C-alpha atoms as a PDB file:
ATOM      1  CA  MET A   1     -11.995 -27.639  34.913  1.00  0.00           C
ATOM      2  CA  HIS A   2      -8.861 -26.644  33.024  1.00  0.00           C
ATOM      3  CA  ALA A   3     -10.254 -23.124  32.622  1.00  0.00           C
ATOM      4  CA  LEU A   4     -10.421 -22.767  36.417  1.00  0.00           C
ATOM      5  CA  LYS A   5      -6.772 -23.761  36.606  1.00  0.00           C
ATOM      6  CA  ALA A   6      -5.996 -20.894  34.228  1.00  0.00           C
ATOM      7  CA  ASP A   7      -8.136 -18.489  36.282  1.00  0.00           C
ATOM      8  CA  THR A   8      -6.154 -19.434  39.384  1.00  0.00           C
ATOM      9  CA  HIS A   9      -2.901 -18.897  37.495  1.00  0.00           C
ATOM     10  CA  ARG A  10      -4.027 -15.392  36.534  1.00  0.00           C
ATOM     11  CA  LYS A  11      -4.564 -14.574  40.190  1.00  0.00           C
ATOM     12  CA  TYR A  12      -1.452 -16.112  41.723  1.00  0.00           C
ATOM     13  CA  GLY A  13       0.996 -16.794  38.900  1.00  0.00           C
ATOM     14  CA  GLN A  14       0.711 -20.492  39.641  1.00  0.00           C
ATOM     15  CA  SER A  15      -2.089 -22.976  40.053  1.00  0.00           C
ATOM     16  CA  ASP A  16      -2.994 -25.843  42.344  1.00  0.00           C
ATOM     17  CA  ALA A  17      -6.085 -27.040  44.187  1.00  0.00           C
ATOM     18  CA  GLN A  18      -5.085 -25.339  47.431  1.00  0.00           C
ATOM     19  CA  LEU A  19      -4.730 -21.937  45.780  1.00  0.00           C
ATOM     20  CA  THR A  20      -8.034 -22.360  43.949  1.00  0.00           C
ATOM     21  CA  PHE A  21      -9.796 -23.179  47.217  1.00  0.00           C
ATOM     22  CA  LYS A  22      -8.113 -20.242  48.970  1.00  0.00           C
ATOM     23  CA  ALA A  23      -9.196 -17.807  46.240  1.00  0.00           C
ATOM     24  CA  ALA A  24     -12.770 -19.110  46.215  1.00  0.00           C
ATOM     25  CA  LEU A  25     -12.944 -18.793  49.998  1.00  0.00           C
ATOM     26  CA  LEU A  26     -11.479 -15.297  50.326  1.00  0.00           C
ATOM     27  CA  ASP A  27     -12.300 -13.487  47.072  1.00  0.00           C
ATOM     28  CA  PRO A  28     -16.029 -13.033  46.239  1.00  0.00           C
ATOM     29  CA  ALA A  29     -15.290 -12.255  42.578  1.00  0.00           C
ATOM     30  CA  PHE A  30     -13.153 -15.361  42.155  1.00  0.00           C
ATOM     31  CA  ARG A  31     -15.837 -17.389  43.929  1.00  0.00           C
ATOM     32  CA  VAL A  32     -18.301 -16.346  41.227  1.00  0.00           C
ATOM     33  CA  LEU A  33     -15.826 -17.406  38.558  1.00  0.00           C
ATOM     34  CA  ALA A  34     -15.148 -20.762  40.219  1.00  0.00           C
ATOM     35  CA  VAL A  35     -18.833 -21.653  40.562  1.00  0.00           C
ATOM     36  CA  MET A  36     -19.493 -20.523  36.984  1.00  0.00           C
ATOM     37  CA  ARG A  37     -16.828 -22.985  35.802  1.00  0.00           C
ATOM     38  CA  LEU A  38     -18.492 -25.620  37.980  1.00  0.00           C
ATOM     39  CA  CYS A  39     -21.844 -24.983  36.281  1.00  0.00           C
ATOM     40  CA  GLN A  40     -20.271 -25.279  32.858  1.00  0.00           C
ATOM     41  CA  ALA A  41     -18.479 -28.500  33.808  1.00  0.00           C
ATOM     42  CA  ALA A  42     -21.718 -29.952  35.197  1.00  0.00           C
ATOM     43  CA  ASN A  43     -23.490 -29.100  31.954  1.00  0.00           C
ATOM     44  CA  GLU A  44     -20.959 -31.220  30.052  1.00  0.00           C
ATOM     45  CA  LEU A  45     -21.713 -34.369  32.038  1.00  0.00           C
ATOM     46  CA  PRO A  46     -23.584 -37.277  30.433  1.00  0.00           C
ATOM     47  CA  ALA A  47     -27.330 -36.664  30.284  1.00  0.00           C
ATOM     48  CA  SER A  48     -28.059 -39.236  32.994  1.00  0.00           C
ATOM     49  CA  TRP A  49     -26.005 -37.226  35.506  1.00  0.00           C
ATOM     50  CA  ARG A  50     -26.350 -33.711  34.135  1.00  0.00           C
ATOM     51  CA  TRP A  51     -29.702 -32.827  35.696  1.00  0.00           C
ATOM     52  CA  LEU A  52     -28.500 -33.936  39.134  1.00  0.00           C
ATOM     53  CA  ALA A  53     -25.424 -31.693  38.968  1.00  0.00           C
ATOM     54  CA  VAL A  54     -26.587 -28.621  37.060  1.00  0.00           C
ATOM     55  CA  LEU A  55     -29.506 -27.598  39.284  1.00  0.00           C
ATOM     56  CA  PRO A  56     -27.596 -27.342  42.605  1.00  0.00           C
ATOM     57  CA  ALA A  57     -24.646 -25.724  40.786  1.00  0.00           C
ATOM     58  CA  ARG A  58     -26.949 -23.090  39.292  1.00  0.00           C
ATOM     59  CA  LEU A  59     -28.580 -22.389  42.643  1.00  0.00           C
ATOM     60  CA  LEU A  60     -25.163 -21.953  44.239  1.00  0.00           C
ATOM     61  CA  TYR A  61     -24.085 -19.713  41.355  1.00  0.00           C
ATOM     62  CA  ARG A  62     -27.107 -17.470  41.779  1.00  0.00           C
ATOM     63  CA  MET A  63     -26.349 -17.102  45.474  1.00  0.00           C
ATOM     64  CA  VAL A  64     -22.646 -16.274  45.119  1.00  0.00           C
ATOM     65  CA  SER A  65     -23.324 -13.890  42.209  1.00  0.00           C
ATOM     66  CA  GLN A  66     -25.873 -11.922  44.204  1.00  0.00           C
ATOM     67  CA  MET A  67     -23.556 -11.747  47.191  1.00  0.00           C
ATOM     68  CA  ALA A  68     -20.709 -10.456  45.020  1.00  0.00           C
ATOM     69  CA  GLY A  69     -22.851  -8.018  43.009  1.00  0.00           C
ATOM     70  CA  ILE A  70     -21.750  -9.578  39.709  1.00  0.00           C
ATOM     71  CA  GLU A  71     -24.060 -10.471  36.818  1.00  0.00           C
ATOM     72  CA  ILE A  72     -22.458 -12.934  34.403  1.00  0.00           C
ATOM     73  CA  PRO A  73     -24.810 -15.643  33.078  1.00  0.00           C
ATOM     74  CA  TRP A  74     -23.232 -19.035  33.688  1.00  0.00           C
ATOM     75  CA  ARG A  75     -23.597 -20.048  30.023  1.00  0.00           C
ATOM     76  CA  THR A  76     -21.513 -17.096  28.800  1.00  0.00           C
ATOM     77  CA  ALA A  77     -18.630 -18.200  26.539  1.00  0.00           C
ATOM     78  CA  ILE A  78     -15.489 -17.219  28.452  1.00  0.00           C
ATOM     79  CA  GLY A  79     -11.982 -18.416  27.686  1.00  0.00           C
ATOM     80  CA  PRO A  80      -9.522 -19.538  30.359  1.00  0.00           C
ATOM     81  CA  GLY A  81      -7.586 -17.122  32.493  1.00  0.00           C
ATOM     82  CA  LEU A  82     -10.270 -14.534  33.262  1.00  0.00           C
ATOM     83  CA  ALA A  83      -9.359 -12.000  35.953  1.00  0.00           C
ATOM     84  CA  LEU A  84     -12.179 -10.144  37.738  1.00  0.00           C
ATOM     85  CA  THR A  85     -10.397  -7.315  39.530  1.00  0.00           C
ATOM     86  CA  HIS A  86     -12.488  -6.077  42.477  1.00  0.00           C
ATOM     87  CA  GLY A  87     -15.442  -7.384  40.506  1.00  0.00           C
ATOM     88  CA  ARG A  88     -18.486  -5.720  42.055  1.00  0.00           C
ATOM     89  CA  GLY A  89     -20.893  -4.197  39.538  1.00  0.00           C
ATOM     90  CA  ILE A  90     -19.739  -6.216  36.506  1.00  0.00           C
ATOM     91  CA  VAL A  91     -22.635  -6.913  34.098  1.00  0.00           C
ATOM     92  CA  VAL A  92     -22.141  -9.229  31.102  1.00  0.00           C
ATOM     93  CA  ASN A  93     -24.843 -10.171  28.616  1.00  0.00           C
ATOM     94  CA  ALA A  94     -25.134 -13.894  27.929  1.00  0.00           C
ATOM     95  CA  GLY A  95     -24.545 -13.264  24.223  1.00  0.00           C
ATOM     96  CA  ALA A  96     -21.126 -11.673  24.770  1.00  0.00           C
ATOM     97  CA  ARG A  97     -17.954 -13.643  23.997  1.00  0.00           C
ATOM     98  CA  ILE A  98     -14.808 -13.277  26.086  1.00  0.00           C
ATOM     99  CA  GLY A  99     -11.418 -14.688  25.077  1.00  0.00           C
ATOM    100  CA  SER A 100      -8.548 -15.939  27.211  1.00  0.00           C
ATOM    101  CA  ASN A 101      -6.417 -13.925  29.646  1.00  0.00           C
ATOM    102  CA  VAL A 102      -8.958 -11.081  29.736  1.00  0.00           C
ATOM    103  CA  THR A 103      -9.117  -8.637  32.659  1.00  0.00           C
ATOM    104  CA  LEU A 104     -12.397  -6.999  33.724  1.00  0.00           C
ATOM    105  CA  PHE A 105     -12.491  -4.374  36.456  1.00  0.00           C
ATOM    106  CA  HIS A 106     -15.443  -3.406  38.663  1.00  0.00           C
ATOM    107  CA  GLY A 107     -18.427  -1.760  37.021  1.00  0.00           C
ATOM    108  CA  VAL A 108     -17.708  -3.059  33.507  1.00  0.00           C
ATOM    109  CA  THR A 109     -20.733  -3.597  31.247  1.00  0.00           C
ATOM    110  CA  LEU A 110     -20.648  -5.849  28.180  1.00  0.00           C
ATOM    111  CA  GLY A 111     -24.129  -5.404  26.768  1.00  0.00           C
ATOM    112  CA  GLN A 112     -26.309  -5.987  23.758  1.00  0.00           C
ATOM    113  CA  ARG A 113     -27.321  -3.302  21.313  1.00  0.00           C
ATOM    114  CA  ASP A 114     -30.570  -3.573  19.375  1.00  0.00           C
ATOM    115  CA  HIS A 115     -30.880  -2.468  15.777  1.00  0.00           C
ATOM    116  CA  ILE A 116     -34.315  -1.873  14.230  1.00  0.00           C
ATOM    117  CA  ASP A 117     -34.213  -2.362  10.440  1.00  0.00           C
ATOM    118  CA  ALA A 118     -36.414  -0.695   7.816  1.00  0.00           C
ATOM    119  CA  GLN A 119     -39.002  -3.471   8.158  1.00  0.00           C
ATOM    120  CA  GLY A 120     -39.261  -2.913  11.907  1.00  0.00           C
ATOM    121  CA  ARG A 121     -37.437  -6.112  12.800  1.00  0.00           C
ATOM    122  CA  ARG A 122     -35.213  -6.111  15.866  1.00  0.00           C
ATOM    123  CA  HIS A 123     -31.655  -7.442  15.623  1.00  0.00           C
ATOM    124  CA  SER A 124     -29.701  -7.898  18.840  1.00  0.00           C
ATOM    125  CA  LEU A 125     -25.925  -7.735  18.618  1.00  0.00           C
ATOM    126  CA  TYR A 126     -23.306  -8.609  21.248  1.00  0.00           C
ATOM    127  CA  PRO A 127     -19.647  -7.732  21.838  1.00  0.00           C
ATOM    128  CA  VAL A 128     -16.670 -10.010  21.322  1.00  0.00           C
ATOM    129  CA  ILE A 129     -13.689  -9.433  23.598  1.00  0.00           C
ATOM    130  CA  GLU A 130     -10.598 -11.098  22.156  1.00  0.00           C
ATOM    131  CA  ASP A 131      -7.639 -12.538  24.067  1.00  0.00           C
ATOM    132  CA  GLU A 132      -5.544 -10.444  26.467  1.00  0.00           C
ATOM    133  CA  VAL A 133      -7.895  -7.445  26.498  1.00  0.00           C
ATOM    134  CA  TRP A 134      -7.868  -5.182  29.573  1.00  0.00           C
ATOM    135  CA  VAL A 135     -11.117  -3.380  30.413  1.00  0.00           C
ATOM    136  CA  GLY A 136     -10.928  -0.671  33.064  1.00  0.00           C
ATOM    137  CA  PRO A 137     -13.424   0.320  35.764  1.00  0.00           C
ATOM    138  CA  HIS A 138     -16.930   1.310  34.624  1.00  0.00           C
ATOM    139  CA  ALA A 139     -16.154   0.929  30.927  1.00  0.00           C
ATOM    140  CA  ILE A 140     -19.150   0.126  28.704  1.00  0.00           C
ATOM    141  CA  ILE A 141     -18.870  -1.988  25.550  1.00  0.00           C
ATOM    142  CA  VAL A 142     -22.096  -2.570  23.639  1.00  0.00           C
ATOM    143  CA  GLY A 143     -23.306  -4.071  20.372  1.00  0.00           C
ATOM    144  CA  GLY A 144     -21.817  -6.285  17.731  1.00  0.00           C
ATOM    145  CA  VAL A 145     -18.313  -4.941  18.093  1.00  0.00           C
ATOM    146  CA  THR A 146     -14.995  -6.725  18.413  1.00  0.00           C
ATOM    147  CA  VAL A 147     -12.315  -5.475  20.785  1.00  0.00           C
ATOM    148  CA  GLY A 148      -9.107  -6.739  19.235  1.00  0.00           C
ATOM    149  CA  ARG A 149      -6.478  -8.806  20.968  1.00  0.00           C
ATOM    150  CA  GLY A 150      -4.286  -7.045  23.513  1.00  0.00           C
ATOM    151  CA  SER A 151      -6.225  -3.773  23.511  1.00  0.00           C
ATOM    152  CA  ARG A 152      -6.869  -1.685  26.603  1.00  0.00           C
ATOM    153  CA  ILE A 153     -10.178   0.031  27.273  1.00  0.00           C
ATOM    154  CA  ALA A 154      -9.704   2.842  29.772  1.00  0.00           C
ATOM    155  CA  GLY A 155     -11.937   3.300  32.769  1.00  0.00           C
ATOM    156  CA  GLY A 156     -15.216   5.042  31.928  1.00  0.00           C
ATOM    157  CA  ALA A 157     -14.854   4.574  28.167  1.00  0.00           C
ATOM    158  CA  TYR A 158     -17.956   3.948  26.045  1.00  0.00           C
ATOM    159  CA  VAL A 159     -17.229   1.639  23.106  1.00  0.00           C
ATOM    160  CA  PHE A 160     -19.723   0.927  20.318  1.00  0.00           C
ATOM    161  CA  GLU A 161     -17.390   0.499  17.340  1.00  0.00           C
ATOM    162  CA  ASP A 162     -14.725  -2.109  16.579  1.00  0.00           C
ATOM    163  CA  VAL A 163     -11.344  -1.679  18.240  1.00  0.00           C
ATOM    164  CA  PRO A 164      -8.302  -2.992  16.318  1.00  0.00           C
ATOM    165  CA  PRO A 165      -5.772  -5.180  18.127  1.00  0.00           C
ATOM    166  CA  TYR A 166      -3.255  -3.567  20.491  1.00  0.00           C
ATOM    167  CA  CYS A 167      -4.960  -0.195  20.849  1.00  0.00           C
ATOM    168  CA  VAL A 168      -5.690   2.050  23.825  1.00  0.00           C
ATOM    169  CA  VAL A 169      -9.219   3.507  23.867  1.00  0.00           C
ATOM    170  CA  LEU A 170     -10.238   6.509  25.954  1.00  0.00           C
ATOM    171  CA  GLY A 171     -13.350   8.596  26.449  1.00  0.00           C
ATOM    172  CA  ASN A 172     -17.052   8.758  25.662  1.00  0.00           C
ATOM    173  CA  PRO A 173     -17.478   8.017  22.847  1.00  0.00           C
ATOM    174  CA  GLY A 174     -14.399   5.823  22.820  1.00  0.00           C
ATOM    175  CA  GLN A 175     -11.509   7.061  20.694  1.00  0.00           C
ATOM    176  CA  ILE A 176      -8.229   5.317  19.874  1.00  0.00           C
ATOM    177  CA  ALA A 177      -5.524   7.192  21.750  1.00  0.00           C
ATOM    178  CA  ARG A 178      -2.629   4.862  20.950  1.00  0.00           C
ATOM    179  CA  ARG A 179      -1.822   1.976  18.640  1.00  0.00           C
ATOM    180  CA  ASP A 180       0.683  -0.871  18.927  1.00  0.00           C
ATOM    181  CA  CYS A 181       0.421  -0.938  22.707  1.00  0.00           C
ATOM    182  CA  THR A 182       1.733  -3.754  24.887  1.00  0.00           C
ATOM    183  CA  PRO A 183      -1.049  -5.910  26.389  1.00  0.00           C
ATOM    184  CA  ASP A 184      -1.563  -5.431  30.128  1.00  0.00           C
ATOM    185  CA  VAL A 185      -1.825  -9.028  31.381  1.00  0.00           C
ATOM    186  CA  ASP A 186      -0.657 -10.079  34.830  1.00  0.00           C
ATOM    187  CA  ASN A 187       0.240 -13.774  35.136  1.00  0.00           C
ATOM    188  CA  ARG A 188      -0.551 -14.607  31.527  1.00  0.00           C
ATOM    189  CA  TYR A 189      -1.644 -18.209  31.125  1.00  0.00           C
ATOM    190  CA  ASP A 190       0.048 -19.883  28.170  1.00  0.00           C
ATOM    191  CA  ALA A 191      -2.655 -20.709  25.631  1.00  0.00           C
ATOM    192  CA  GLU A 192      -0.430 -23.416  24.117  1.00  0.00           C
ATOM    193  CA  GLU A 193      -0.871 -25.441  27.303  1.00  0.00           C
ATOM    194  CA  MET A 194      -4.630 -25.355  26.929  1.00  0.00           C
ATOM    195  CA  PRO A 195      -6.026 -24.597  23.425  1.00  0.00           C
ATOM    196  CA  VAL A 196      -9.186 -22.496  23.403  1.00  0.00           C
ATOM    197  CA  PRO A 197     -11.904 -22.648  20.713  1.00  0.00           C
ATOM    198  CA  GLN A 198     -12.121 -19.241  19.081  1.00  0.00           C
ATOM    199  CA  ALA A 199     -15.551 -17.645  19.275  1.00  0.00           C
ATOM    200  CA  SER A 200     -16.974 -16.464  15.980  1.00  0.00           C
ATOM    201  CA  HIS A 201     -19.308 -13.487  16.007  1.00  0.00           C
ATOM    202  CA  PRO A 202     -20.213 -10.818  13.445  1.00  0.00           C
ATOM    203  CA  ALA A 203     -18.611  -7.477  14.213  1.00  0.00           C
ATOM    204  CA  THR A 204     -21.344  -5.217  12.885  1.00  0.00           C
ATOM    205  CA  ALA A 205     -21.918  -1.993  14.781  1.00  0.00           C
ATOM    206  CA  ALA A 206     -25.574  -1.237  15.363  1.00  0.00           C
ATOM    207  CA  ASP A 207     -26.783   2.310  14.934  1.00  0.00           C
ATOM    208  CA  ALA A 208     -29.855   2.465  17.114  1.00  0.00           C
ATOM    209  CA  GLY A 209     -31.230   1.249  20.459  1.00  0.00           C
ATOM    210  CA  ILE A 210     -29.079   0.225  23.409  1.00  0.00           C
ATOM    211  CA  ASN A 211     -29.800  -2.486  25.935  1.00  0.00           C
ATOM    212  CA  ALA A 212     -26.913  -3.209  28.269  1.00  0.00           C
ATOM    213  CA  GLY A 213     -28.713  -6.104  29.932  1.00  0.00           C
END
């Protein structure tokens, strides 16, 4: 549950069991995050115990997610220190990858994009959000794109192409408005205290068919 410790640190600037419990009790978005971490921890238990723990955790996760209006599959690869600001309306595809110290505001969509090749075969691609990325309200990021470390995606932006590190993206379609920006990360959790496996995903932009589920 080290990732949950980092999530608590992002919210309060410090972390202990009391603060984690307080956040889970009072903040519906944080409650979703806490139970998601619980599901993932249960799934790592030895096989003899896993089935006993995962089922009730998943049922609880479904309940708290529906109450909060947040759709993030519990198996989604998410680094430590995620901040869900306001939270309601967030939709994340299970194939997306989210790094550490990322901030997602309400209404954000991280969705798949389907590409149909010349032979009629469907290829589904998913976004990768690197560390310390800030994604504003109602922004949409779809397809096999990578949003580089420390970038900021403005509210309402529609992103379907790669974003280099430390850039500000505005508009629909998303355009780089500034480079070499300073990451917007409140209560950054030090990654050196808790190393995070880096997700690997092809950053190929699809050119047809969108499914933000």
